[in-house]
PDB file of all heavy atoms in Angstrom:
ATOM      1  N   GLY A   1      19.694   9.953  -2.713  1.00  0.00           N
ATOM      2  CA  GLY A   1      18.532   9.069  -2.961  1.00  0.00           C
ATOM      3  C   GLY A   1      17.341   9.520  -2.086  1.00  0.00           C
ATOM      4  O   GLY A   1      17.520   9.781  -0.957  1.00  0.00           O
ATOM      5  N   ILE A   2      16.121   9.404  -2.712  1.00  0.00           N
ATOM      6  CA  ILE A   2      14.874   9.413  -1.916  1.00  0.00           C
ATOM      7  C   ILE A   2      14.136   8.127  -2.238  1.00  0.00           C
ATOM      8  O   ILE A   2      14.202   7.594  -3.297  1.00  0.00           O
ATOM      9  CB  ILE A   2      14.153  10.677  -2.290  1.00  0.00           C
ATOM     10  CG1 ILE A   2      13.759  10.773  -3.724  1.00  0.00           C
ATOM     11  CG2 ILE A   2      14.797  11.935  -1.719  1.00  0.00           C
ATOM     12  CD1 ILE A   2      12.729  11.951  -4.017  1.00  0.00           C
ATOM     13  N   PHE A   3      13.298   7.734  -1.303  1.00  0.00           N
ATOM     14  CA  PHE A   3      12.797   6.419  -1.328  1.00  0.00           C
ATOM     15  C   PHE A   3      11.341   6.303  -0.799  1.00  0.00           C
ATOM     16  O   PHE A   3      11.022   7.200   0.181  1.00  0.00           O
ATOM     17  CB  PHE A   3      13.679   5.353  -0.504  1.00  0.00           C
ATOM     18  CG  PHE A   3      15.076   5.254  -0.837  1.00  0.00           C
ATOM     19  CD1 PHE A   3      16.090   6.184  -0.412  1.00  0.00           C
ATOM     20  CD2 PHE A   3      15.377   4.272  -1.896  1.00  0.00           C
ATOM     21  CE1 PHE A   3      17.297   6.033  -0.875  1.00  0.00           C
ATOM     22  CE2 PHE A   3      16.775   4.226  -2.259  1.00  0.00           C
ATOM     23  CZ  PHE A   3      17.617   5.124  -1.799  1.00  0.00           C
ATOM     24  N   GLU A   4      10.590   5.396  -1.386  1.00  0.00           N
ATOM     25  CA  GLU A   4       9.168   5.184  -0.924  1.00  0.00           C
ATOM     26  C   GLU A   4       9.059   3.668  -0.909  1.00  0.00           C
ATOM     27  O   GLU A   4       9.068   3.016  -1.861  1.00  0.00           O
ATOM     28  CB  GLU A   4       8.304   5.750  -1.989  1.00  0.00           C
ATOM     29  CG  GLU A   4       6.761   5.464  -1.651  1.00  0.00           C
ATOM     30  CD  GLU A   4       5.818   5.961  -2.784  1.00  0.00           C
ATOM     31  OE1 GLU A   4       5.636   7.240  -2.808  1.00  0.00           O
ATOM     32  OE2 GLU A   4       5.477   5.193  -3.578  1.00  0.00           O
ATOM     33  N   GLN A   5       8.991   3.216   0.364  1.00  0.00           N
ATOM     34  CA  GLN A   5       9.013   1.747   0.593  1.00  0.00           C
ATOM     35  C   GLN A   5       7.618   1.221   0.956  1.00  0.00           C
ATOM     36  O   GLN A   5       7.148   1.677   2.041  1.00  0.00           O
ATOM     37  CB  GLN A   5      10.073   1.399   1.577  1.00  0.00           C
ATOM     38  CG  GLN A   5      10.134  -0.113   1.838  1.00  0.00           C
ATOM     39  CD  GLN A   5      11.395  -0.408   2.616  1.00  0.00           C
ATOM     40  OE1 GLN A   5      12.064  -1.448   2.364  1.00  0.00           O
ATOM     41  NE2 GLN A   5      11.672   0.313   3.803  1.00  0.00           N
ATOM     42  N   LEU A   6       7.079   0.235   0.187  1.00  0.00           N
ATOM     43  CA  LEU A   6       5.841  -0.412   0.500  1.00  0.00           C
ATOM     44  C   LEU A   6       6.072  -1.719   0.809  1.00  0.00           C
ATOM     45  O   LEU A   6       6.557  -2.608  -0.012  1.00  0.00           O
ATOM     46  CB  LEU A   6       4.872  -0.259  -0.755  1.00  0.00           C
ATOM     47  CG  LEU A   6       3.422  -0.672  -0.634  1.00  0.00           C
ATOM     48  CD1 LEU A   6       2.581   0.060  -1.585  1.00  0.00           C
ATOM     49  CD2 LEU A   6       3.282  -2.242  -0.848  1.00  0.00           C
ATOM     50  N   VAL A   7       5.789  -2.192   1.961  1.00  0.00           N
ATOM     51  CA  VAL A   7       5.933  -3.560   2.448  1.00  0.00           C
ATOM     52  C   VAL A   7       4.522  -4.122   2.283  1.00  0.00           C
ATOM     53  O   VAL A   7       3.487  -3.597   2.839  1.00  0.00           O
ATOM     54  CB  VAL A   7       6.405  -3.670   3.923  1.00  0.00           C
ATOM     55  CG1 VAL A   7       6.442  -5.111   4.460  1.00  0.00           C
ATOM     56  CG2 VAL A   7       7.778  -3.156   4.043  1.00  0.00           C
ATOM     57  N   VAL A   8       4.313  -5.301   1.604  1.00  0.00           N
ATOM     58  CA  VAL A   8       3.100  -5.929   1.348  1.00  0.00           C
ATOM     59  C   VAL A   8       2.593  -6.533   2.558  1.00  0.00           C
ATOM     60  O   VAL A   8       3.072  -7.715   2.976  1.00  0.00           O
ATOM     61  CB  VAL A   8       3.141  -6.850   0.130  1.00  0.00           C
ATOM     62  CG1 VAL A   8       1.746  -7.420  -0.076  1.00  0.00           C
ATOM     63  CG2 VAL A   8       3.692  -6.229  -1.021  1.00  0.00           C
ATOM     64  N   SER A   9       1.510  -6.027   3.310  1.00  0.00           N
ATOM     65  CA  SER A   9       0.996  -6.484   4.502  1.00  0.00           C
ATOM     66  C   SER A   9      -0.233  -7.414   4.131  1.00  0.00           C
ATOM     67  O   SER A   9      -0.635  -7.469   2.868  1.00  0.00           O
ATOM     68  CB  SER A   9       0.526  -5.368   5.434  1.00  0.00           C
ATOM     69  OG  SER A   9      -0.537  -4.672   4.722  1.00  0.00           O
ATOM     70  N   ASP A  10      -0.864  -8.038   5.017  1.00  0.00           N
ATOM     71  CA  ASP A  10      -2.007  -8.875   4.853  1.00  0.00           C
ATOM     72  C   ASP A  10      -3.256  -7.959   4.313  1.00  0.00           C
ATOM     73  O   ASP A  10      -3.930  -8.510   3.428  1.00  0.00           O
ATOM     74  CB  ASP A  10      -2.506  -9.516   6.136  1.00  0.00           C
ATOM     75  CG  ASP A  10      -1.506 -10.662   6.585  1.00  0.00           C
ATOM     76  OD1 ASP A  10      -0.786 -11.065   5.661  1.00  0.00           O
ATOM     77  OD2 ASP A  10      -1.462 -11.047   7.729  1.00  0.00           O
ATOM     78  N   ASP A  11      -3.302  -6.773   4.813  1.00  0.00           N
ATOM     79  CA  ASP A  11      -4.395  -5.877   4.391  1.00  0.00           C
ATOM     80  C   ASP A  11      -4.242  -5.539   2.917  1.00  0.00           C
ATOM     81  O   ASP A  11      -5.162  -5.399   2.082  1.00  0.00           O
ATOM     82  CB  ASP A  11      -4.477  -4.673   5.266  1.00  0.00           C
ATOM     83  CG  ASP A  11      -5.012  -4.994   6.555  1.00  0.00           C
ATOM     84  OD1 ASP A  11      -5.749  -5.934   6.731  1.00  0.00           O
ATOM     85  OD2 ASP A  11      -4.729  -4.172   7.547  1.00  0.00           O
ATOM     86  N   ILE A  12      -2.954  -5.316   2.482  1.00  0.00           N
ATOM     87  CA  ILE A  12      -2.672  -4.865   1.119  1.00  0.00           C
ATOM     88  C   ILE A  12      -2.849  -6.134   0.205  1.00  0.00           C
ATOM     89  O   ILE A  12      -3.282  -5.978  -0.868  1.00  0.00           O
ATOM     90  CB  ILE A  12      -1.260  -4.289   1.020  1.00  0.00           C
ATOM     91  CG1 ILE A  12      -1.181  -2.985   1.690  1.00  0.00           C
ATOM     92  CG2 ILE A  12      -0.854  -4.095  -0.417  1.00  0.00           C
ATOM     93  CD1 ILE A  12       0.173  -2.280   1.723  1.00  0.00           C
ATOM     94  N   ARG A  13      -2.525  -7.308   0.653  1.00  0.00           N
ATOM     95  CA  ARG A  13      -2.757  -8.568  -0.114  1.00  0.00           C
ATOM     96  C   ARG A  13      -4.237  -8.712  -0.309  1.00  0.00           C
ATOM     97  O   ARG A  13      -4.635  -9.076  -1.411  1.00  0.00           O
ATOM     98  CB  ARG A  13      -2.255  -9.781   0.641  1.00  0.00           C
ATOM     99  CG  ARG A  13      -0.658  -9.782   0.869  1.00  0.00           C
ATOM    100  CD  ARG A  13      -0.277 -11.100   1.432  1.00  0.00           C
ATOM    101  NE  ARG A  13       1.085 -10.989   2.025  1.00  0.00           N
ATOM    102  CZ  ARG A  13       2.203 -10.980   1.419  1.00  0.00           C
ATOM    103  NH1 ARG A  13       2.235 -11.140   0.112  1.00  0.00           N
ATOM    104  NH2 ARG A  13       3.301 -10.767   2.038  1.00  0.00           N
ATOM    105  N   ALA A  14      -5.137  -8.437   0.736  1.00  0.00           N
ATOM    106  CA  ALA A  14      -6.475  -8.496   0.514  1.00  0.00           C
ATOM    107  C   ALA A  14      -6.997  -7.546  -0.554  1.00  0.00           C
ATOM    108  O   ALA A  14      -7.870  -7.855  -1.353  1.00  0.00           O
ATOM    109  CB  ALA A  14      -7.199  -8.235   1.814  1.00  0.00           C
ATOM    110  N   LEU A  15      -6.506  -6.311  -0.484  1.00  0.00           N
ATOM    111  CA  LEU A  15      -6.845  -5.305  -1.535  1.00  0.00           C
ATOM    112  C   LEU A  15      -6.477  -5.799  -3.029  1.00  0.00           C
ATOM    113  O   LEU A  15      -7.190  -5.481  -3.893  1.00  0.00           O
ATOM    114  CB  LEU A  15      -6.228  -3.933  -1.192  1.00  0.00           C
ATOM    115  CG  LEU A  15      -6.798  -3.141  -0.033  1.00  0.00           C
ATOM    116  CD1 LEU A  15      -5.906  -1.916   0.304  1.00  0.00           C
ATOM    117  CD2 LEU A  15      -8.210  -2.799  -0.296  1.00  0.00           C
ATOM    118  N   LEU A  16      -5.321  -6.409  -3.100  1.00  0.00           N
ATOM    119  CA  LEU A  16      -4.943  -6.943  -4.420  1.00  0.00           C
ATOM    120  C   LEU A  16      -5.773  -7.919  -4.833  1.00  0.00           C
ATOM    121  O   LEU A  16      -6.237  -7.980  -5.934  1.00  0.00           O
ATOM    122  CB  LEU A  16      -3.511  -7.567  -4.296  1.00  0.00           C
ATOM    123  CG  LEU A  16      -2.263  -6.510  -4.603  1.00  0.00           C
ATOM    124  CD1 LEU A  16      -1.039  -7.288  -4.259  1.00  0.00           C
ATOM    125  CD2 LEU A  16      -2.356  -6.276  -6.064  1.00  0.00           C
ATOM    126  N   MET A  17      -6.295  -8.789  -3.930  1.00  0.00           N
ATOM    127  CA  MET A  17      -7.157  -9.933  -4.338  1.00  0.00           C
ATOM    128  C   MET A  17      -8.490  -9.334  -4.798  1.00  0.00           C
ATOM    129  O   MET A  17      -9.318 -10.026  -5.643  1.00  0.00           O
ATOM    130  CB  MET A  17      -7.378 -10.861  -3.095  1.00  0.00           C
ATOM    131  CG  MET A  17      -6.121 -11.573  -2.662  1.00  0.00           C
ATOM    132  SD  MET A  17      -5.655 -12.903  -3.870  1.00  0.00           S
ATOM    133  CE  MET A  17      -6.882 -14.076  -3.351  1.00  0.00           C
ATOM    134  N   GLU A  18      -8.889  -8.185  -4.320  1.00  0.00           N
ATOM    135  CA  GLU A  18     -10.106  -7.552  -4.675  1.00  0.00           C
ATOM    136  C   GLU A  18      -9.932  -6.718  -5.885  1.00  0.00           C
ATOM    137  O   GLU A  18     -10.868  -5.873  -6.261  1.00  0.00           O
ATOM    138  CB  GLU A  18     -10.661  -6.751  -3.530  1.00  0.00           C
ATOM    139  CG  GLU A  18     -11.016  -7.510  -2.331  1.00  0.00           C
ATOM    140  CD  GLU A  18     -11.176  -6.703  -1.045  1.00  0.00           C
ATOM    141  OE1 GLU A  18     -11.173  -5.417  -1.106  1.00  0.00           O
ATOM    142  OE2 GLU A  18     -11.408  -7.274   0.113  1.00  0.00           O
ATOM    143  N   ASN A  19      -8.841  -6.648  -6.592  1.00  0.00           N
ATOM    144  CA  ASN A  19      -8.554  -5.796  -7.682  1.00  0.00           C
ATOM    145  C   ASN A  19      -8.659  -4.380  -7.355  1.00  0.00           C
ATOM    146  O   ASN A  19      -9.233  -3.568  -8.101  1.00  0.00           O
ATOM    147  CB  ASN A  19      -9.370  -6.217  -8.892  1.00  0.00           C
ATOM    148  CG  ASN A  19      -8.937  -7.441  -9.678  1.00  0.00           C
ATOM    149  OD1 ASN A  19      -7.706  -7.543  -9.776  1.00  0.00           O
ATOM    150  ND2 ASN A  19      -9.758  -8.283 -10.085  1.00  0.00           N
ATOM    151  N   ALA A  20      -8.204  -4.004  -6.175  1.00  0.00           N
ATOM    152  CA  ALA A  20      -8.323  -2.572  -5.697  1.00  0.00           C
ATOM    153  C   ALA A  20      -7.510  -1.695  -6.545  1.00  0.00           C
ATOM    154  O   ALA A  20      -6.507  -2.063  -7.244  1.00  0.00           O
ATOM    155  CB  ALA A  20      -7.919  -2.385  -4.258  1.00  0.00           C
ATOM    156  N   SER A  21      -7.805  -0.326  -6.601  1.00  0.00           N
ATOM    157  CA  SER A  21      -7.143   0.620  -7.462  1.00  0.00           C
ATOM    158  C   SER A  21      -5.870   1.026  -6.733  1.00  0.00           C
ATOM    159  O   SER A  21      -5.557   0.697  -5.611  1.00  0.00           O
ATOM    160  CB  SER A  21      -7.946   1.881  -7.580  1.00  0.00           C
ATOM    161  OG  SER A  21      -8.096   2.540  -6.338  1.00  0.00           O
ATOM    162  N   VAL A  22      -4.943   1.728  -7.544  1.00  0.00           N
ATOM    163  CA  VAL A  22      -3.599   2.212  -7.038  1.00  0.00           C
ATOM    164  C   VAL A  22      -3.891   3.089  -5.925  1.00  0.00           C
ATOM    165  O   VAL A  22      -3.199   3.022  -4.894  1.00  0.00           O
ATOM    166  CB  VAL A  22      -2.864   2.784  -8.074  1.00  0.00           C
ATOM    167  CG1 VAL A  22      -1.622   3.528  -7.563  1.00  0.00           C
ATOM    168  CG2 VAL A  22      -2.457   1.868  -9.178  1.00  0.00           C
ATOM    169  N   THR A  23      -4.944   3.959  -6.068  1.00  0.00           N
ATOM    170  CA  THR A  23      -5.282   4.958  -4.949  1.00  0.00           C
ATOM    171  C   THR A  23      -5.590   4.262  -3.540  1.00  0.00           C
ATOM    172  O   THR A  23      -5.030   4.662  -2.590  1.00  0.00           O
ATOM    173  CB  THR A  23      -6.480   5.746  -5.321  1.00  0.00           C
ATOM    174  OG1 THR A  23      -6.173   6.342  -6.634  1.00  0.00           O
ATOM    175  CG2 THR A  23      -6.732   6.923  -4.344  1.00  0.00           C
ATOM    176  N   ASP A  24      -6.391   3.190  -3.642  1.00  0.00           N
ATOM    177  CA  ASP A  24      -6.683   2.493  -2.404  1.00  0.00           C
ATOM    178  C   ASP A  24      -5.534   1.847  -1.869  1.00  0.00           C
ATOM    179  O   ASP A  24      -5.379   1.769  -0.579  1.00  0.00           O
ATOM    180  CB  ASP A  24      -7.885   1.408  -2.806  1.00  0.00           C
ATOM    181  CG  ASP A  24      -9.173   2.148  -3.074  1.00  0.00           C
ATOM    182  OD1 ASP A  24      -9.373   3.219  -2.712  1.00  0.00           O
ATOM    183  OD2 ASP A  24      -9.994   1.373  -3.736  1.00  0.00           O
ATOM    184  N   ILE A  25      -4.748   1.273  -2.541  1.00  0.00           N
ATOM    185  CA  ILE A  25      -3.532   0.484  -2.069  1.00  0.00           C
ATOM    186  C   ILE A  25      -2.575   1.507  -1.418  1.00  0.00           C
ATOM    187  O   ILE A  25      -2.022   1.260  -0.434  1.00  0.00           O
ATOM    188  CB  ILE A  25      -2.738  -0.231  -3.273  1.00  0.00           C
ATOM    189  CG1 ILE A  25      -3.684  -1.411  -3.744  1.00  0.00           C
ATOM    190  CG2 ILE A  25      -1.407  -0.847  -2.760  1.00  0.00           C
ATOM    191  CD1 ILE A  25      -3.200  -2.126  -4.930  1.00  0.00           C
ATOM    192  N   LYS A  26      -2.401   2.631  -2.220  1.00  0.00           N
ATOM    193  CA  LYS A  26      -1.525   3.718  -1.592  1.00  0.00           C
ATOM    194  C   LYS A  26      -2.021   4.270  -0.214  1.00  0.00           C
ATOM    195  O   LYS A  26      -1.290   4.470   0.660  1.00  0.00           O
ATOM    196  CB  LYS A  26      -1.411   4.913  -2.587  1.00  0.00           C
ATOM    197  CG  LYS A  26      -0.406   5.982  -2.102  1.00  0.00           C
ATOM    198  CD  LYS A  26      -0.439   7.159  -3.161  1.00  0.00           C
ATOM    199  CE  LYS A  26       0.300   6.887  -4.325  1.00  0.00           C
ATOM    200  NZ  LYS A  26       0.430   7.936  -5.194  1.00  0.00           N
ATOM    201  N   ALA A  27      -3.361   4.532  -0.169  1.00  0.00           N
ATOM    202  CA  ALA A  27      -3.991   4.989   1.075  1.00  0.00           C
ATOM    203  C   ALA A  27      -3.753   3.882   2.228  1.00  0.00           C
ATOM    204  O   ALA A  27      -3.401   4.405   3.347  1.00  0.00           O
ATOM    205  CB  ALA A  27      -5.436   5.140   0.832  1.00  0.00           C
ATOM    206  N   GLN A  28      -3.843   2.620   1.939  1.00  0.00           N
ATOM    207  CA  GLN A  28      -3.609   1.603   2.907  1.00  0.00           C
ATOM    208  C   GLN A  28      -2.155   1.556   3.426  1.00  0.00           C
ATOM    209  O   GLN A  28      -1.797   1.555   4.564  1.00  0.00           O
ATOM    210  CB  GLN A  28      -4.033   0.211   2.460  1.00  0.00           C
ATOM    211  CG  GLN A  28      -3.743  -0.859   3.435  1.00  0.00           C
ATOM    212  CD  GLN A  28      -4.543  -0.629   4.698  1.00  0.00           C
ATOM    213  OE1 GLN A  28      -5.776  -0.100   4.642  1.00  0.00           O
ATOM    214  NE2 GLN A  28      -4.078  -1.111   5.750  1.00  0.00           N
ATOM    215  N   ALA A  29      -1.191   1.804   2.383  1.00  0.00           N
ATOM    216  CA  ALA A  29       0.177   1.741   2.763  1.00  0.00           C
ATOM    217  C   ALA A  29       0.655   2.954   3.620  1.00  0.00           C
ATOM    218  O   ALA A  29       1.398   2.838   4.563  1.00  0.00           O
ATOM    219  CB  ALA A  29       0.989   1.685   1.439  1.00  0.00           C
ATOM    220  N   LYS A  30      -0.037   4.101   3.236  1.00  0.00           N
ATOM    221  CA  LYS A  30       0.250   5.189   4.036  1.00  0.00           C
ATOM    222  C   LYS A  30      -0.268   5.170   5.492  1.00  0.00           C
ATOM    223  O   LYS A  30       0.362   5.602   6.388  1.00  0.00           O
ATOM    224  CB  LYS A  30      -0.293   6.516   3.409  1.00  0.00           C
ATOM    225  CG  LYS A  30       0.391   7.021   2.132  1.00  0.00           C
ATOM    226  CD  LYS A  30       0.023   8.377   1.775  1.00  0.00           C
ATOM    227  CE  LYS A  30       1.067   9.015   0.794  1.00  0.00           C
ATOM    228  NZ  LYS A  30       0.832  10.355   0.516  1.00  0.00           N
ATOM    229  N   LYS A  31      -1.471   4.469   5.714  1.00  0.00           N
ATOM    230  CA  LYS A  31      -2.004   4.297   6.959  1.00  0.00           C
ATOM    231  C   LYS A  31      -1.050   3.342   7.776  1.00  0.00           C
ATOM    232  O   LYS A  31      -0.927   3.398   8.933  1.00  0.00           O
ATOM    233  CB  LYS A  31      -3.463   3.475   6.819  1.00  0.00           C
ATOM    234  CG  LYS A  31      -4.181   3.457   8.090  1.00  0.00           C
ATOM    235  CD  LYS A  31      -5.386   2.631   7.828  1.00  0.00           C
ATOM    236  CE  LYS A  31      -6.296   3.314   6.832  1.00  0.00           C
ATOM    237  NZ  LYS A  31      -7.644   2.542   6.628  1.00  0.00           N
ATOM    238  N   GLU A  32      -0.335   2.424   7.018  1.00  0.00           N
ATOM    239  CA  GLU A  32       0.601   1.568   7.709  1.00  0.00           C
ATOM    240  C   GLU A  32       2.025   2.203   7.938  1.00  0.00           C
ATOM    241  O   GLU A  32       2.943   1.472   8.366  1.00  0.00           O
ATOM    242  CB  GLU A  32       0.777   0.240   6.935  1.00  0.00           C
ATOM    243  CG  GLU A  32      -0.514  -0.515   6.978  1.00  0.00           C
ATOM    244  CD  GLU A  32      -0.526  -1.708   6.067  1.00  0.00           C
ATOM    245  OE1 GLU A  32       0.525  -1.968   5.454  1.00  0.00           O
ATOM    246  OE2 GLU A  32      -1.570  -2.418   5.871  1.00  0.00           O
ATOM    247  N   GLY A  33       2.194   3.475   7.517  1.00  0.00           N
ATOM    248  CA  GLY A  33       3.443   4.159   7.819  1.00  0.00           C
ATOM    249  C   GLY A  33       4.333   4.436   6.557  1.00  0.00           C
ATOM    250  O   GLY A  33       5.507   4.911   6.818  1.00  0.00           O
ATOM    251  N   MET A  34       3.917   4.077   5.346  1.00  0.00           N
ATOM    252  CA  MET A  34       4.725   4.404   4.285  1.00  0.00           C
ATOM    253  C   MET A  34       4.851   5.934   4.008  1.00  0.00           C
ATOM    254  O   MET A  34       3.797   6.669   4.126  1.00  0.00           O
ATOM    255  CB  MET A  34       4.162   3.846   2.923  1.00  0.00           C
ATOM    256  CG  MET A  34       4.862   3.985   1.664  1.00  0.00           C
ATOM    257  SD  MET A  34       4.091   3.361   0.261  1.00  0.00           S
ATOM    258  CE  MET A  34       3.007   4.857  -0.048  1.00  0.00           C
ATOM    259  N   ARG A  35       6.175   6.416   3.720  1.00  0.00           N
ATOM    260  CA  ARG A  35       6.311   7.837   3.410  1.00  0.00           C
ATOM    261  C   ARG A  35       6.432   7.879   1.983  1.00  0.00           C
ATOM    262  O   ARG A  35       7.138   7.032   1.302  1.00  0.00           O
ATOM    263  CB  ARG A  35       7.617   8.266   4.151  1.00  0.00           C
ATOM    264  CG  ARG A  35       7.568   8.505   5.571  1.00  0.00           C
ATOM    265  CD  ARG A  35       8.931   8.606   6.164  1.00  0.00           C
ATOM    266  NE  ARG A  35       9.821   9.710   5.540  1.00  0.00           N
ATOM    267  CZ  ARG A  35       9.787  10.891   5.992  1.00  0.00           C
ATOM    268  NH1 ARG A  35       8.876  11.294   6.864  1.00  0.00           N
ATOM    269  NH2 ARG A  35      10.525  11.744   5.318  1.00  0.00           N
ATOM    270  N   SER A  36       5.785   8.909   1.334  1.00  0.00           N
ATOM    271  CA  SER A  36       5.839   9.061  -0.125  1.00  0.00           C
ATOM    272  C   SER A  36       7.263   9.642  -0.549  1.00  0.00           C
ATOM    273  O   SER A  36       8.035  10.066   0.372  1.00  0.00           O
ATOM    274  CB  SER A  36       4.732   9.982  -0.561  1.00  0.00           C
ATOM    275  OG  SER A  36       5.030  11.369  -0.029  1.00  0.00           O
TER     276      SER A  36
END
C-alpha cells in the first residue's frame, strides 16, 4: 500500500468555508506535512 493522508486542520476548514479549489487545499495540506 501507498498512502496520502490529509488531516483537516483549522486552516483547511477555513479554505473549505471559502470554497477554495482542490489545488489550494492540497498546497495547504502539503505545507502542513502531507506526503503525496
